[in-house]
Amino acid sequence: MNCMPSETRILRDRIEYLEEELRQLREDISPINNPFNGRFGLTRQQAAIAFAIYRHTSISGPHLDRVTELHSRATAGTDYGMVANRTKVALCKVRKAFRKIKVEVVTIHGIGYRISLEHKDRLRKLLAR
């Protein structure tokens, strides 16, 4: 491949950007100290979803699918539709658990999900106990 110096710089910048994005995604999907583990009646997978939503201003559905996929038992032949469905079920259970503590996960159509700052504060206080 004959790259001119400017093309090489562009490619290196792109690789650096993608490596940083990958680092952040890995950090998001495998938190070491998830404060939701063992709390509010959530499973490990549901706790991972709750933590991902809690940590972000908003989070996309595909991002939650990746979180779900990495925090569930491996299933041979799992296709995207199955993962997406599994995410919806887990998210429904997170919402049900959060409803008991008066915290709402809001759907932002076309974007993803979020928890309001007021509800994040409520969660922060409950997790601090």
N, C-alpha and C. Protein backbone atom coordinates (compact mmCIF):
# COMPACT_ATOMS: atom_id res chain seq x y z
N MET A 1 0.85 -1.18 0.00
CA MET A 1 0.00 0.00 0.00
C MET A 1 0.88 1.23 0.00
N ASN A 2 0.73 2.07 -0.99
CA ASN A 2 1.51 3.30 -1.08
C ASN A 2 0.69 4.45 -0.54
N CYS A 3 0.99 4.85 0.68
CA CYS A 3 0.28 5.96 1.30
C CYS A 3 1.16 7.18 1.28
N MET A 4 0.56 8.27 0.97
CA MET A 4 1.28 9.52 1.05
C MET A 4 1.33 9.92 2.51
N PRO A 5 2.28 10.77 2.92
CA PRO A 5 2.41 11.15 4.32
C PRO A 5 1.11 11.67 4.94
N SER A 6 0.33 12.46 4.21
CA SER A 6 -0.92 12.98 4.78
C SER A 6 -1.94 11.87 4.98
N GLU A 7 -1.98 10.91 4.05
CA GLU A 7 -2.90 9.77 4.20
C GLU A 7 -2.50 8.92 5.39
N THR A 8 -1.21 8.74 5.59
CA THR A 8 -0.71 7.97 6.72
C THR A 8 -1.11 8.64 8.03
N ARG A 9 -0.98 9.93 8.09
CA ARG A 9 -1.35 10.69 9.30
C ARG A 9 -2.84 10.55 9.59
N ILE A 10 -3.63 10.64 8.53
CA ILE A 10 -5.09 10.50 8.68
C ILE A 10 -5.43 9.11 9.21
N LEU A 11 -4.79 8.09 8.64
CA LEU A 11 -5.05 6.71 9.09
C LEU A 11 -4.61 6.50 10.53
N ARG A 12 -3.46 7.03 10.89
CA ARG A 12 -2.98 6.89 12.27
C ARG A 12 -3.88 7.61 13.25
N ASP A 13 -4.36 8.79 12.88
CA ASP A 13 -5.30 9.53 13.74
C ASP A 13 -6.59 8.73 13.91
N ARG A 14 -7.06 8.13 12.83
CA ARG A 14 -8.28 7.32 12.89
C ARG A 14 -8.09 6.11 13.78
N ILE A 15 -6.95 5.44 13.64
CA ILE A 15 -6.65 4.27 14.49
C ILE A 15 -6.58 4.69 15.95
N GLU A 16 -5.93 5.80 16.23
CA GLU A 16 -5.83 6.29 17.61
C GLU A 16 -7.22 6.59 18.18
N TYR A 17 -8.06 7.22 17.37
CA TYR A 17 -9.43 7.53 17.79
C TYR A 17 -10.20 6.24 18.10
N LEU A 18 -10.12 5.26 17.20
CA LEU A 18 -10.84 4.00 17.38
C LEU A 18 -10.32 3.20 18.57
N GLU A 19 -9.01 3.23 18.79
CA GLU A 19 -8.45 2.54 19.95
C GLU A 19 -8.96 3.16 21.25
N GLU A 20 -9.06 4.48 21.30
CA GLU A 20 -9.59 5.15 22.49
C GLU A 20 -11.07 4.82 22.68
N GLU A 21 -11.82 4.82 21.60
CA GLU A 21 -13.23 4.47 21.68
C GLU A 21 -13.40 3.03 22.18
N LEU A 22 -12.59 2.12 21.68
CA LEU A 22 -12.63 0.73 22.13
C LEU A 22 -12.28 0.63 23.62
N ARG A 23 -11.28 1.37 24.07
CA ARG A 23 -10.91 1.36 25.48
C ARG A 23 -12.08 1.81 26.35
N GLN A 24 -12.76 2.88 25.93
CA GLN A 24 -13.90 3.39 26.69
C GLN A 24 -15.05 2.39 26.71
N LEU A 25 -15.32 1.76 25.58
CA LEU A 25 -16.39 0.77 25.52
C LEU A 25 -16.08 -0.43 26.41
N ARG A 26 -14.84 -0.88 26.39
CA ARG A 26 -14.46 -2.00 27.26
C ARG A 26 -14.61 -1.62 28.73
N GLU A 27 -14.25 -0.41 29.05
CA GLU A 27 -14.40 0.08 30.43
C GLU A 27 -15.87 0.10 30.83
N ASP A 28 -16.73 0.52 29.89
CA ASP A 28 -18.16 0.60 30.17
C ASP A 28 -18.80 -0.77 30.36
N ILE A 29 -18.38 -1.75 29.58
CA ILE A 29 -19.08 -3.02 29.62
C ILE A 29 -18.52 -4.01 30.63
N SER A 30 -17.40 -3.74 31.21
CA SER A 30 -16.91 -4.66 32.24
C SER A 30 -16.43 -3.90 33.46
N PRO A 31 -17.35 -3.24 34.16
CA PRO A 31 -16.94 -2.50 35.35
C PRO A 31 -16.47 -3.44 36.45
N ILE A 32 -15.38 -3.07 37.09
CA ILE A 32 -14.80 -3.89 38.15
C ILE A 32 -15.67 -3.81 39.40
N ASN A 33 -16.01 -2.64 39.80
CA ASN A 33 -16.80 -2.44 41.01
C ASN A 33 -18.17 -1.88 40.65
N ASN A 34 -19.06 -2.74 40.25
CA ASN A 34 -20.40 -2.31 39.89
C ASN A 34 -21.22 -2.16 41.17
N PRO A 35 -21.62 -0.94 41.52
CA PRO A 35 -22.35 -0.73 42.77
C PRO A 35 -23.74 -1.35 42.77
N PHE A 36 -24.24 -1.77 41.61
CA PHE A 36 -25.57 -2.36 41.51
C PHE A 36 -25.56 -3.87 41.75
N ASN A 37 -24.36 -4.49 41.76
CA ASN A 37 -24.29 -5.93 42.01
C ASN A 37 -24.86 -6.26 43.37
N GLY A 38 -25.81 -7.18 43.38
CA GLY A 38 -26.42 -7.62 44.63
C GLY A 38 -27.38 -6.61 45.26
N ARG A 39 -27.74 -5.58 44.52
CA ARG A 39 -28.64 -4.56 45.04
C ARG A 39 -29.94 -4.54 44.25
N PHE A 40 -31.01 -4.15 44.91
CA PHE A 40 -32.33 -3.94 44.30
C PHE A 40 -32.88 -5.20 43.63
N GLY A 41 -32.37 -6.37 43.99
CA GLY A 41 -32.86 -7.62 43.42
C GLY A 41 -32.46 -7.84 41.97
N LEU A 42 -31.37 -7.22 41.52
CA LEU A 42 -30.92 -7.34 40.13
C LEU A 42 -29.96 -8.50 39.96
N THR A 43 -30.06 -9.18 38.83
CA THR A 43 -29.07 -10.20 38.48
C THR A 43 -27.80 -9.49 38.03
N ARG A 44 -26.75 -10.28 37.79
CA ARG A 44 -25.48 -9.69 37.34
C ARG A 44 -25.66 -8.96 36.01
N GLN A 45 -26.40 -9.57 35.10
CA GLN A 45 -26.64 -8.95 33.79
C GLN A 45 -27.46 -7.67 33.94
N GLN A 46 -28.50 -7.70 34.74
CA GLN A 46 -29.34 -6.53 34.96
C GLN A 46 -28.54 -5.43 35.66
N ALA A 47 -27.68 -5.81 36.60
CA ALA A 47 -26.83 -4.83 37.28
C ALA A 47 -25.88 -4.16 36.30
N ALA A 48 -25.37 -4.91 35.34
CA ALA A 48 -24.47 -4.34 34.32
C ALA A 48 -25.22 -3.32 33.46
N ILE A 49 -26.47 -3.64 33.10
CA ILE A 49 -27.28 -2.72 32.31
C ILE A 49 -27.59 -1.46 33.13
N ALA A 50 -27.98 -1.65 34.39
CA ALA A 50 -28.29 -0.51 35.26
C ALA A 50 -27.07 0.41 35.40
N PHE A 51 -25.91 -0.19 35.59
CA PHE A 51 -24.68 0.60 35.76
C PHE A 51 -24.33 1.35 34.48
N ALA A 52 -24.51 0.70 33.32
CA ALA A 52 -24.21 1.36 32.04
C ALA A 52 -25.12 2.57 31.83
N ILE A 53 -26.40 2.42 32.12
CA ILE A 53 -27.33 3.54 31.97
C ILE A 53 -27.01 4.64 32.97
N TYR A 54 -26.70 4.25 34.19
CA TYR A 54 -26.38 5.20 35.26
C TYR A 54 -25.14 6.03 34.94
N ARG A 55 -24.15 5.42 34.32
CA ARG A 55 -22.88 6.10 34.04
C ARG A 55 -22.93 7.09 32.89
N HIS A 56 -23.91 6.98 32.02
CA HIS A 56 -23.95 7.81 30.82
C HIS A 56 -25.08 8.82 30.86
N THR A 57 -24.88 9.90 30.13
CA THR A 57 -25.95 10.88 29.94
C THR A 57 -27.10 10.22 29.19
N SER A 58 -26.76 9.50 28.13
CA SER A 58 -27.71 8.64 27.42
C SER A 58 -26.90 7.50 26.83
N ILE A 59 -27.56 6.38 26.60
CA ILE A 59 -26.86 5.21 26.08
C ILE A 59 -27.73 4.57 25.00
N SER A 60 -27.11 4.13 23.93
CA SER A 60 -27.86 3.57 22.80
C SER A 60 -28.26 2.12 23.05
N GLY A 61 -29.27 1.69 22.33
CA GLY A 61 -29.71 0.31 22.41
C GLY A 61 -28.62 -0.69 22.03
N PRO A 62 -27.90 -0.46 20.90
CA PRO A 62 -26.82 -1.39 20.54
C PRO A 62 -25.72 -1.47 21.60
N HIS A 63 -25.46 -0.36 22.28
CA HIS A 63 -24.47 -0.40 23.36
C HIS A 63 -24.97 -1.30 24.48
N LEU A 64 -26.25 -1.19 24.84
CA LEU A 64 -26.81 -2.06 25.87
C LEU A 64 -26.83 -3.51 25.40
N ASP A 65 -27.05 -3.74 24.10
CA ASP A 65 -27.00 -5.11 23.58
C ASP A 65 -25.62 -5.72 23.82
N ARG A 66 -24.59 -4.93 23.62
CA ARG A 66 -23.22 -5.42 23.83
C ARG A 66 -22.99 -5.72 25.31
N VAL A 67 -23.49 -4.87 26.18
CA VAL A 67 -23.38 -5.10 27.63
C VAL A 67 -24.09 -6.40 27.98
N THR A 68 -25.30 -6.58 27.47
CA THR A 68 -26.08 -7.79 27.73
C THR A 68 -25.35 -9.03 27.23
N GLU A 69 -24.81 -8.93 26.03
CA GLU A 69 -24.12 -10.07 25.43
C GLU A 69 -22.92 -10.49 26.26
N LEU A 70 -22.18 -9.54 26.77
CA LEU A 70 -20.98 -9.85 27.54
C LEU A 70 -21.27 -10.31 28.96
N HIS A 71 -22.47 -10.04 29.46
CA HIS A 71 -22.81 -10.41 30.83
C HIS A 71 -23.89 -11.48 30.88
N SER A 72 -23.89 -12.36 29.89
CA SER A 72 -24.85 -13.46 29.89
C SER A 72 -24.11 -14.75 29.55
N ARG A 73 -24.78 -15.84 29.77
CA ARG A 73 -24.19 -17.13 29.42
C ARG A 73 -24.04 -17.23 27.91
N ALA A 74 -22.94 -17.80 27.49
CA ALA A 74 -22.71 -17.97 26.05
C ALA A 74 -23.71 -18.96 25.49
N THR A 75 -24.30 -18.61 24.36
CA THR A 75 -25.26 -19.47 23.70
C THR A 75 -24.80 -19.67 22.26
N ALA A 76 -24.58 -20.90 21.88
CA ALA A 76 -24.14 -21.17 20.51
C ALA A 76 -25.21 -20.73 19.53
N GLY A 77 -24.79 -20.07 18.48
CA GLY A 77 -25.70 -19.65 17.42
C GLY A 77 -26.55 -18.45 17.79
N THR A 78 -26.15 -17.71 18.80
CA THR A 78 -26.91 -16.52 19.19
C THR A 78 -26.83 -15.49 18.09
N ASP A 79 -27.97 -15.04 17.61
CA ASP A 79 -27.97 -14.00 16.59
C ASP A 79 -28.34 -12.66 17.22
N TYR A 80 -28.22 -11.60 16.43
CA TYR A 80 -28.47 -10.26 16.95
C TYR A 80 -29.88 -10.12 17.50
N GLY A 81 -30.86 -10.70 16.83
CA GLY A 81 -32.25 -10.59 17.29
C GLY A 81 -32.43 -11.16 18.68
N MET A 82 -31.76 -12.28 18.96
CA MET A 82 -31.86 -12.89 20.28
C MET A 82 -31.22 -12.00 21.34
N VAL A 83 -30.06 -11.41 21.03
CA VAL A 83 -29.39 -10.52 21.97
C VAL A 83 -30.24 -9.29 22.23
N ALA A 84 -30.80 -8.71 21.18
CA ALA A 84 -31.64 -7.52 21.33
C ALA A 84 -32.86 -7.83 22.18
N ASN A 85 -33.46 -8.99 21.97
CA ASN A 85 -34.63 -9.39 22.75
C ASN A 85 -34.24 -9.60 24.21
N ARG A 86 -33.08 -10.25 24.43
CA ARG A 86 -32.59 -10.48 25.79
C ARG A 86 -32.35 -9.14 26.50
N THR A 87 -31.85 -8.16 25.77
CA THR A 87 -31.62 -6.82 26.35
C THR A 87 -32.94 -6.19 26.75
N LYS A 88 -33.94 -6.29 25.89
CA LYS A 88 -35.25 -5.70 26.21
C LYS A 88 -35.86 -6.32 27.46
N VAL A 89 -35.73 -7.64 27.59
CA VAL A 89 -36.26 -8.32 28.77
C VAL A 89 -35.51 -7.87 30.02
N ALA A 90 -34.18 -7.84 29.94
CA ALA A 90 -33.38 -7.42 31.10
C ALA A 90 -33.68 -5.96 31.45
N LEU A 91 -33.83 -5.11 30.46
CA LEU A 91 -34.13 -3.70 30.71
C LEU A 91 -35.51 -3.56 31.36
N CYS A 92 -36.45 -4.35 30.94
CA CYS A 92 -37.78 -4.34 31.54
C CYS A 92 -37.69 -4.70 33.03
N LYS A 93 -36.87 -5.67 33.36
CA LYS A 93 -36.70 -6.07 34.76
C LYS A 93 -35.97 -5.01 35.57
N VAL A 94 -35.00 -4.32 34.95
CA VAL A 94 -34.32 -3.21 35.62
C VAL A 94 -35.32 -2.10 35.92
N ARG A 95 -36.15 -1.79 34.93
CA ARG A 95 -37.16 -0.75 35.14
C ARG A 95 -38.12 -1.12 36.27
N LYS A 96 -38.51 -2.38 36.33
CA LYS A 96 -39.42 -2.85 37.37
C LYS A 96 -38.76 -2.71 38.75
N ALA A 97 -37.50 -3.10 38.86
CA ALA A 97 -36.78 -2.97 40.13
C ALA A 97 -36.61 -1.51 40.51
N PHE A 98 -36.32 -0.66 39.53
CA PHE A 98 -36.12 0.76 39.80
C PHE A 98 -37.44 1.45 40.16
N ARG A 99 -38.54 0.96 39.60
CA ARG A 99 -39.85 1.55 39.92
C ARG A 99 -40.13 1.46 41.41
N LYS A 100 -39.68 0.37 42.04
CA LYS A 100 -39.88 0.18 43.48
C LYS A 100 -39.16 1.23 44.31
N ILE A 101 -38.07 1.77 43.78
CA ILE A 101 -37.31 2.80 44.51
C ILE A 101 -37.53 4.18 43.89
N LYS A 102 -38.57 4.28 43.06
CA LYS A 102 -38.98 5.55 42.44
C LYS A 102 -37.90 6.17 41.55
N VAL A 103 -37.28 5.32 40.73
CA VAL A 103 -36.30 5.76 39.74
C VAL A 103 -36.81 5.30 38.38
N GLU A 104 -36.78 6.20 37.40
CA GLU A 104 -37.30 5.90 36.07
C GLU A 104 -36.19 5.89 35.02
N VAL A 105 -36.19 4.87 34.19
CA VAL A 105 -35.32 4.82 33.01
C VAL A 105 -36.16 5.31 31.85
N VAL A 106 -35.75 6.41 31.25
CA VAL A 106 -36.51 7.06 30.20
C VAL A 106 -36.01 6.59 28.83
N THR A 107 -36.93 6.31 27.92
CA THR A 107 -36.58 5.98 26.54
C THR A 107 -36.51 7.27 25.74
N ILE A 108 -35.40 7.47 25.04
CA ILE A 108 -35.24 8.60 24.13
C ILE A 108 -35.33 8.00 22.73
N HIS A 109 -36.48 8.12 22.10
CA HIS A 109 -36.72 7.48 20.81
C HIS A 109 -35.68 7.88 19.77
N GLY A 110 -35.11 6.88 19.13
CA GLY A 110 -34.10 7.09 18.11
C GLY A 110 -32.70 7.26 18.67
N ILE A 111 -32.57 7.34 20.00
CA ILE A 111 -31.26 7.53 20.61
C ILE A 111 -30.92 6.40 21.58
N GLY A 112 -31.78 6.18 22.56
CA GLY A 112 -31.49 5.14 23.53
C GLY A 112 -32.23 5.36 24.84
N TYR A 113 -31.49 5.32 25.94
CA TYR A 113 -32.08 5.38 27.27
C TYR A 113 -31.27 6.30 28.17
N ARG A 114 -31.95 6.80 29.23
CA ARG A 114 -31.24 7.64 30.19
C ARG A 114 -31.99 7.64 31.52
N ILE A 115 -31.28 8.11 32.53
CA ILE A 115 -31.87 8.35 33.85
C ILE A 115 -31.67 9.83 34.12
N SER A 116 -32.71 10.51 34.56
CA SER A 116 -32.61 11.95 34.81
C SER A 116 -31.63 12.22 35.96
N LEU A 117 -31.11 13.44 36.00
CA LEU A 117 -30.16 13.81 37.06
C LEU A 117 -30.79 13.68 38.44
N GLU A 118 -32.06 14.03 38.55
CA GLU A 118 -32.76 13.91 39.83
C GLU A 118 -32.80 12.45 40.29
N HIS A 119 -33.09 11.56 39.37
CA HIS A 119 -33.16 10.13 39.71
C HIS A 119 -31.78 9.55 39.93
N LYS A 120 -30.76 10.06 39.23
CA LYS A 120 -29.38 9.63 39.48
C LYS A 120 -28.96 10.01 40.90
N ASP A 121 -29.38 11.20 41.34
CA ASP A 121 -29.07 11.62 42.71
C ASP A 121 -29.74 10.68 43.71
N ARG A 122 -30.98 10.30 43.45
CA ARG A 122 -31.68 9.37 44.32
C ARG A 122 -30.94 8.03 44.37
N LEU A 123 -30.51 7.54 43.21
CA LEU A 123 -29.76 6.29 43.17
C LEU A 123 -28.44 6.41 43.92
N ARG A 124 -27.75 7.52 43.73
CA ARG A 124 -26.46 7.74 44.40
C ARG A 124 -26.63 7.66 45.91
N LYS A 125 -27.70 8.26 46.43
CA LYS A 125 -27.94 8.23 47.88
C LYS A 125 -28.27 6.82 48.35
N LEU A 126 -29.07 6.10 47.56
CA LEU A 126 -29.42 4.74 47.94
C LEU A 126 -28.20 3.81 47.89
N LEU A 127 -27.32 4.01 46.91
CA LEU A 127 -26.11 3.19 46.81
C LEU A 127 -25.11 3.50 47.91
N ALA A 128 -25.16 4.73 48.43
CA ALA A 128 -24.21 5.12 49.47
C ALA A 128 -24.55 4.48 50.81
N ARG A 129 -25.79 4.04 50.98
CA ARG A 129 -26.20 3.41 52.24
C ARG A 129 -25.53 2.09 52.46
